[in-house]
Amino acid sequence: MQWLPAAKMSFLLFAVTALHVLILILLFVATLDKSWWVLPDKETVNIWYECTLNNHTNTWACKTVSDSAWLQAVQAFMVLSLLFSSLAFIIFMCQLYTMKRGSLFYATGIFQILTSISVFTAAVIYTTHVEQFQVGRPLGGSFGYCFVLAWLSFPLALISGIIYIHLRKKE
């Protein structure tokens, strides 16, 4: 029966690591892929480029959207969230192999909570300013899957941060 606590700890470490990798994947896709906003004619707008479909050549033409100050804030917070989460993962791996037995993963948890706050801030800014895309366009459109992934990564990063803060290293 000695193996049972070790098996639980191994499973917990695997689950926490898998959750962290899932959050990183969600953040990378939400930050770098298209489709934060989908217009009625299937044109997409993300936080880096506005892409329009040329019906004659059936190709996408994209231009930068960096003129908008609020969109630059969304870009900055999404990049910050990626940096915080990546740094948290590196710190977690370092702490896992160098920390004393019985210590807590405070640094990793704090960086994951900062990730959560950054994603939340970016998503709120985008939500409150998205109607500015409607200027000079037909009304309508909807949030794209990247926006949904950003909102999904917010609670996952918060939960992950809380788990890390309460997680104690055992041998």
C-alpha atoms as a PDB file:
ATOM      1  CA  MET A   1       0.000   0.000   0.000  1.00  0.00           C
ATOM      2  CA  GLN A   2       3.025   2.323   0.017  1.00  0.00           C
ATOM      3  CA  TRP A   3       2.640   3.014  -3.698  1.00  0.00           C
ATOM      4  CA  LEU A   4      -0.856   4.489  -3.360  1.00  0.00           C
ATOM      5  CA  PRO A   5       0.150   8.016  -2.154  1.00  0.00           C
ATOM      6  CA  ALA A   6       2.940   8.110  -4.734  1.00  0.00           C
ATOM      7  CA  ALA A   7       0.475   7.137  -7.469  1.00  0.00           C
ATOM      8  CA  LYS A   8      -1.939   9.890  -6.375  1.00  0.00           C
ATOM      9  CA  MET A   9       0.847  12.466  -6.402  1.00  0.00           C
ATOM     10  CA  SER A  10       2.048  11.313  -9.817  1.00  0.00           C
ATOM     11  CA  PHE A  11      -1.483  11.565 -11.200  1.00  0.00           C
ATOM     12  CA  LEU A  12      -1.940  15.018  -9.655  1.00  0.00           C
ATOM     13  CA  LEU A  13       1.332  16.257 -11.170  1.00  0.00           C
ATOM     14  CA  PHE A  14       0.349  14.811 -14.547  1.00  0.00           C
ATOM     15  CA  ALA A  15      -3.102  16.438 -14.365  1.00  0.00           C
ATOM     16  CA  VAL A  16      -1.699  19.844 -13.375  1.00  0.00           C
ATOM     17  CA  THR A  17       0.925  19.661 -16.127  1.00  0.00           C
ATOM     18  CA  ALA A  18      -1.683  18.622 -18.716  1.00  0.00           C
ATOM     19  CA  LEU A  19      -3.959  21.489 -17.651  1.00  0.00           C
ATOM     20  CA  HIS A  20      -1.082  23.943 -17.968  1.00  0.00           C
ATOM     21  CA  VAL A  21      -0.178  22.660 -21.446  1.00  0.00           C
ATOM     22  CA  LEU A  22      -3.857  22.921 -22.465  1.00  0.00           C
ATOM     23  CA  ILE A  23      -3.937  26.547 -21.277  1.00  0.00           C
ATOM     24  CA  LEU A  24      -0.774  27.316 -23.249  1.00  0.00           C
ATOM     25  CA  ILE A  25      -2.271  25.784 -26.409  1.00  0.00           C
ATOM     26  CA  LEU A  26      -5.521  27.745 -25.960  1.00  0.00           C
ATOM     27  CA  LEU A  27      -3.584  30.973 -25.463  1.00  0.00           C
ATOM     28  CA  PHE A  28      -1.356  30.394 -28.499  1.00  0.00           C
ATOM     29  CA  VAL A  29      -4.344  29.674 -30.746  1.00  0.00           C
ATOM     30  CA  ALA A  30      -6.385  32.589 -29.370  1.00  0.00           C
ATOM     31  CA  THR A  31      -3.481  35.014 -29.781  1.00  0.00           C
ATOM     32  CA  LEU A  32      -2.112  33.979 -33.159  1.00  0.00           C
ATOM     33  CA  ASP A  33      -5.021  32.600 -35.158  1.00  0.00           C
ATOM     34  CA  LYS A  34      -7.758  34.465 -37.049  1.00  0.00           C
ATOM     35  CA  SER A  35     -11.363  34.850 -36.075  1.00  0.00           C
ATOM     36  CA  TRP A  36     -11.817  37.047 -33.052  1.00  0.00           C
ATOM     37  CA  TRP A  37     -14.732  38.650 -34.928  1.00  0.00           C
ATOM     38  CA  VAL A  38     -16.616  37.163 -37.893  1.00  0.00           C
ATOM     39  CA  LEU A  39     -18.500  39.570 -40.125  1.00  0.00           C
ATOM     40  CA  PRO A  40     -21.743  38.584 -41.908  1.00  0.00           C
ATOM     41  CA  ASP A  41     -19.945  38.057 -45.234  1.00  0.00           C
ATOM     42  CA  LYS A  42     -17.494  35.609 -43.582  1.00  0.00           C
ATOM     43  CA  GLU A  43     -14.704  38.175 -43.345  1.00  0.00           C
ATOM     44  CA  THR A  44     -12.685  37.763 -40.172  1.00  0.00           C
ATOM     45  CA  VAL A  45     -10.987  40.223 -37.880  1.00  0.00           C
ATOM     46  CA  ASN A  46      -8.402  39.165 -35.338  1.00  0.00           C
ATOM     47  CA  ILE A  47      -6.168  41.142 -33.037  1.00  0.00           C
ATOM     48  CA  TRP A  48      -3.386  41.420 -35.626  1.00  0.00           C
ATOM     49  CA  TYR A  49      -5.000  41.586 -39.082  1.00  0.00           C
ATOM     50  CA  GLU A  50      -8.294  42.347 -40.764  1.00  0.00           C
ATOM     51  CA  CYS A  51      -8.827  39.812 -43.527  1.00  0.00           C
ATOM     52  CA  THR A  52     -11.304  40.199 -46.370  1.00  0.00           C
ATOM     53  CA  LEU A  53     -12.246  37.608 -48.953  1.00  0.00           C
ATOM     54  CA  ASN A  54     -11.792  38.642 -52.580  1.00  0.00           C
ATOM     55  CA  ASN A  55     -14.701  36.936 -54.340  1.00  0.00           C
ATOM     56  CA  HIS A  56     -13.152  37.226 -57.805  1.00  0.00           C
ATOM     57  CA  THR A  57      -9.881  35.460 -56.984  1.00  0.00           C
ATOM     58  CA  ASN A  58     -11.204  33.508 -53.981  1.00  0.00           C
ATOM     59  CA  THR A  59      -8.208  34.608 -51.881  1.00  0.00           C
ATOM     60  CA  TRP A  60      -7.870  36.416 -48.570  1.00  0.00           C
ATOM     61  CA  ALA A  61      -6.393  39.912 -48.417  1.00  0.00           C
ATOM     62  CA  CYS A  62      -5.175  40.946 -44.974  1.00  0.00           C
ATOM     63  CA  LYS A  63      -4.077  44.309 -43.588  1.00  0.00           C
ATOM     64  CA  THR A  64      -2.763  45.259 -40.177  1.00  0.00           C
ATOM     65  CA  VAL A  65      -5.081  46.714 -37.560  1.00  0.00           C
ATOM     66  CA  SER A  66      -2.406  48.246 -35.363  1.00  0.00           C
ATOM     67  CA  ASP A  67      -3.811  51.796 -35.733  1.00  0.00           C
ATOM     68  CA  SER A  68      -6.276  51.249 -32.908  1.00  0.00           C
ATOM     69  CA  ALA A  69      -4.996  52.002 -29.384  1.00  0.00           C
ATOM     70  CA  TRP A  70      -7.487  49.688 -27.706  1.00  0.00           C
ATOM     71  CA  LEU A  71      -6.584  46.850 -30.063  1.00  0.00           C
ATOM     72  CA  GLN A  72      -2.919  47.381 -29.227  1.00  0.00           C
ATOM     73  CA  ALA A  73      -3.894  46.974 -25.571  1.00  0.00           C
ATOM     74  CA  VAL A  74      -5.614  43.669 -26.405  1.00  0.00           C
ATOM     75  CA  GLN A  75      -2.499  42.554 -28.289  1.00  0.00           C
ATOM     76  CA  ALA A  76      -0.256  43.506 -25.363  1.00  0.00           C
ATOM     77  CA  PHE A  77      -2.368  41.708 -22.774  1.00  0.00           C
ATOM     78  CA  MET A  78      -2.619  38.547 -24.881  1.00  0.00           C
ATOM     79  CA  VAL A  79       1.150  38.501 -25.406  1.00  0.00           C
ATOM     80  CA  LEU A  80       1.626  39.120 -21.680  1.00  0.00           C
ATOM     81  CA  SER A  81      -0.652  36.197 -20.892  1.00  0.00           C
ATOM     82  CA  LEU A  82       1.444  33.955 -23.133  1.00  0.00           C
ATOM     83  CA  LEU A  83       4.637  35.139 -21.482  1.00  0.00           C
ATOM     84  CA  PHE A  84       3.262  34.716 -17.953  1.00  0.00           C
ATOM     85  CA  SER A  85       1.936  31.231 -18.655  1.00  0.00           C
ATOM     86  CA  SER A  86       5.144  30.127 -20.380  1.00  0.00           C
ATOM     87  CA  LEU A  87       7.225  31.505 -17.536  1.00  0.00           C
ATOM     88  CA  ALA A  88       4.957  29.777 -15.009  1.00  0.00           C
ATOM     89  CA  PHE A  89       5.485  26.467 -16.795  1.00  0.00           C
ATOM     90  CA  ILE A  90       9.275  26.905 -16.813  1.00  0.00           C
ATOM     91  CA  ILE A  91       9.253  27.871 -13.135  1.00  0.00           C
ATOM     92  CA  PHE A  92       7.062  24.869 -12.320  1.00  0.00           C
ATOM     93  CA  MET A  93       9.479  22.486 -14.006  1.00  0.00           C
ATOM     94  CA  CYS A  94      12.440  24.080 -12.215  1.00  0.00           C
ATOM     95  CA  GLN A  95      10.656  23.988  -8.862  1.00  0.00           C
ATOM     96  CA  LEU A  96       9.619  20.400  -9.411  1.00  0.00           C
ATOM     97  CA  TYR A  97      13.237  19.279  -9.599  1.00  0.00           C
ATOM     98  CA  THR A  98      15.009  21.772  -7.310  1.00  0.00           C
ATOM     99  CA  MET A  99      12.545  22.643  -4.537  1.00  0.00           C
ATOM    100  CA  LYS A 100      12.752  21.166  -1.049  1.00  0.00           C
ATOM    101  CA  ARG A 101      10.197  18.596  -0.011  1.00  0.00           C
ATOM    102  CA  GLY A 102       7.129  20.184   1.571  1.00  0.00           C
ATOM    103  CA  SER A 103       7.477  23.505  -0.259  1.00  0.00           C
ATOM    104  CA  LEU A 104       4.628  25.163  -2.126  1.00  0.00           C
ATOM    105  CA  PHE A 105       4.568  26.290  -5.760  1.00  0.00           C
ATOM    106  CA  TYR A 106       3.803  29.938  -4.969  1.00  0.00           C
ATOM    107  CA  ALA A 107       5.761  31.489  -7.852  1.00  0.00           C
ATOM    108  CA  THR A 108       4.102  29.242 -10.424  1.00  0.00           C
ATOM    109  CA  GLY A 109       0.654  29.972  -8.999  1.00  0.00           C
ATOM    110  CA  ILE A 110       1.202  33.725  -8.979  1.00  0.00           C
ATOM    111  CA  PHE A 111       2.305  33.729 -12.621  1.00  0.00           C
ATOM    112  CA  GLN A 112      -0.729  31.644 -13.618  1.00  0.00           C
ATOM    113  CA  ILE A 113      -3.026  34.083 -11.806  1.00  0.00           C
ATOM    114  CA  LEU A 114      -1.287  36.936 -13.666  1.00  0.00           C
ATOM    115  CA  THR A 115      -1.986  34.986 -16.871  1.00  0.00           C
ATOM    116  CA  SER A 116      -5.653  34.806 -15.940  1.00  0.00           C
ATOM    117  CA  ILE A 117      -5.830  38.530 -15.182  1.00  0.00           C
ATOM    118  CA  SER A 118      -4.113  39.397 -18.485  1.00  0.00           C
ATOM    119  CA  VAL A 119      -6.486  37.256 -20.563  1.00  0.00           C
ATOM    120  CA  PHE A 120      -9.491  38.631 -18.698  1.00  0.00           C
ATOM    121  CA  THR A 121      -8.367  42.212 -19.311  1.00  0.00           C
ATOM    122  CA  ALA A 122      -7.769  41.573 -23.024  1.00  0.00           C
ATOM    123  CA  ALA A 123     -11.159  39.888 -23.464  1.00  0.00           C
ATOM    124  CA  VAL A 124     -13.013  42.653 -21.607  1.00  0.00           C
ATOM    125  CA  ILE A 125     -11.316  45.379 -23.658  1.00  0.00           C
ATOM    126  CA  TYR A 126     -12.171  43.529 -26.870  1.00  0.00           C
ATOM    127  CA  THR A 127     -15.767  42.986 -25.768  1.00  0.00           C
ATOM    128  CA  THR A 128     -16.341  46.641 -24.954  1.00  0.00           C
ATOM    129  CA  HIS A 129     -14.783  48.008 -28.161  1.00  0.00           C
ATOM    130  CA  VAL A 130     -15.763  45.443 -30.775  1.00  0.00           C
ATOM    131  CA  GLU A 131     -18.625  47.579 -32.105  1.00  0.00           C
ATOM    132  CA  GLN A 132     -16.004  49.898 -33.608  1.00  0.00           C
ATOM    133  CA  PHE A 133     -15.549  47.291 -36.349  1.00  0.00           C
ATOM    134  CA  GLN A 134     -19.078  48.068 -37.534  1.00  0.00           C
ATOM    135  CA  VAL A 135     -18.136  51.550 -38.775  1.00  0.00           C
ATOM    136  CA  GLY A 136     -18.514  51.563 -42.569  1.00  0.00           C
ATOM    137  CA  ARG A 137     -19.663  47.923 -42.671  1.00  0.00           C
ATOM    138  CA  PRO A 138     -22.982  46.153 -42.767  1.00  0.00           C
ATOM    139  CA  LEU A 139     -24.347  45.630 -39.286  1.00  0.00           C
ATOM    140  CA  GLY A 140     -23.976  42.221 -37.768  1.00  0.00           C
ATOM    141  CA  GLY A 141     -21.334  39.676 -37.103  1.00  0.00           C
ATOM    142  CA  SER A 142     -20.401  37.540 -34.161  1.00  0.00           C
ATOM    143  CA  PHE A 143     -17.519  36.656 -31.925  1.00  0.00           C
ATOM    144  CA  GLY A 144     -15.186  34.066 -33.394  1.00  0.00           C
ATOM    145  CA  TYR A 145     -13.671  30.972 -31.874  1.00  0.00           C
ATOM    146  CA  CYS A 146     -10.426  32.729 -30.850  1.00  0.00           C
ATOM    147  CA  PHE A 147     -12.423  35.083 -28.658  1.00  0.00           C
ATOM    148  CA  VAL A 148     -14.177  32.092 -27.090  1.00  0.00           C
ATOM    149  CA  LEU A 149     -10.830  30.358 -26.504  1.00  0.00           C
ATOM    150  CA  ALA A 150      -9.529  33.470 -24.754  1.00  0.00           C
ATOM    151  CA  TRP A 151     -12.535  33.504 -22.436  1.00  0.00           C
ATOM    152  CA  LEU A 152     -12.166  29.761 -21.853  1.00  0.00           C
ATOM    153  CA  SER A 153      -8.506  30.106 -20.916  1.00  0.00           C
ATOM    154  CA  PHE A 154      -9.344  32.749 -18.289  1.00  0.00           C
ATOM    155  CA  PRO A 155     -11.036  30.476 -15.708  1.00  0.00           C
ATOM    156  CA  LEU A 156      -8.720  27.579 -16.520  1.00  0.00           C
ATOM    157  CA  ALA A 157      -5.653  29.721 -15.783  1.00  0.00           C
ATOM    158  CA  LEU A 158      -7.263  31.024 -12.594  1.00  0.00           C
ATOM    159  CA  ILE A 159      -8.074  27.501 -11.400  1.00  0.00           C
ATOM    160  CA  SER A 160      -4.597  26.339 -12.359  1.00  0.00           C
ATOM    161  CA  GLY A 161      -3.027  29.204 -10.404  1.00  0.00           C
ATOM    162  CA  ILE A 162      -5.063  28.380  -7.313  1.00  0.00           C
ATOM    163  CA  ILE A 163      -4.116  24.706  -7.594  1.00  0.00           C
ATOM    164  CA  TYR A 164      -0.434  25.611  -7.882  1.00  0.00           C
ATOM    165  CA  ILE A 165      -0.611  27.821  -4.785  1.00  0.00           C
ATOM    166  CA  HIS A 166      -2.079  24.946  -2.750  1.00  0.00           C
ATOM    167  CA  LEU A 167       0.095  22.235  -4.300  1.00  0.00           C
ATOM    168  CA  ARG A 168       2.819  20.975  -1.963  1.00  0.00           C
ATOM    169  CA  LYS A 169       5.875  19.086  -3.207  1.00  0.00           C
ATOM    170  CA  LYS A 170       6.079  15.575  -1.794  1.00  0.00           C
ATOM    171  CA  GLU A 171       8.634  12.844  -2.383  1.00  0.00           C
END
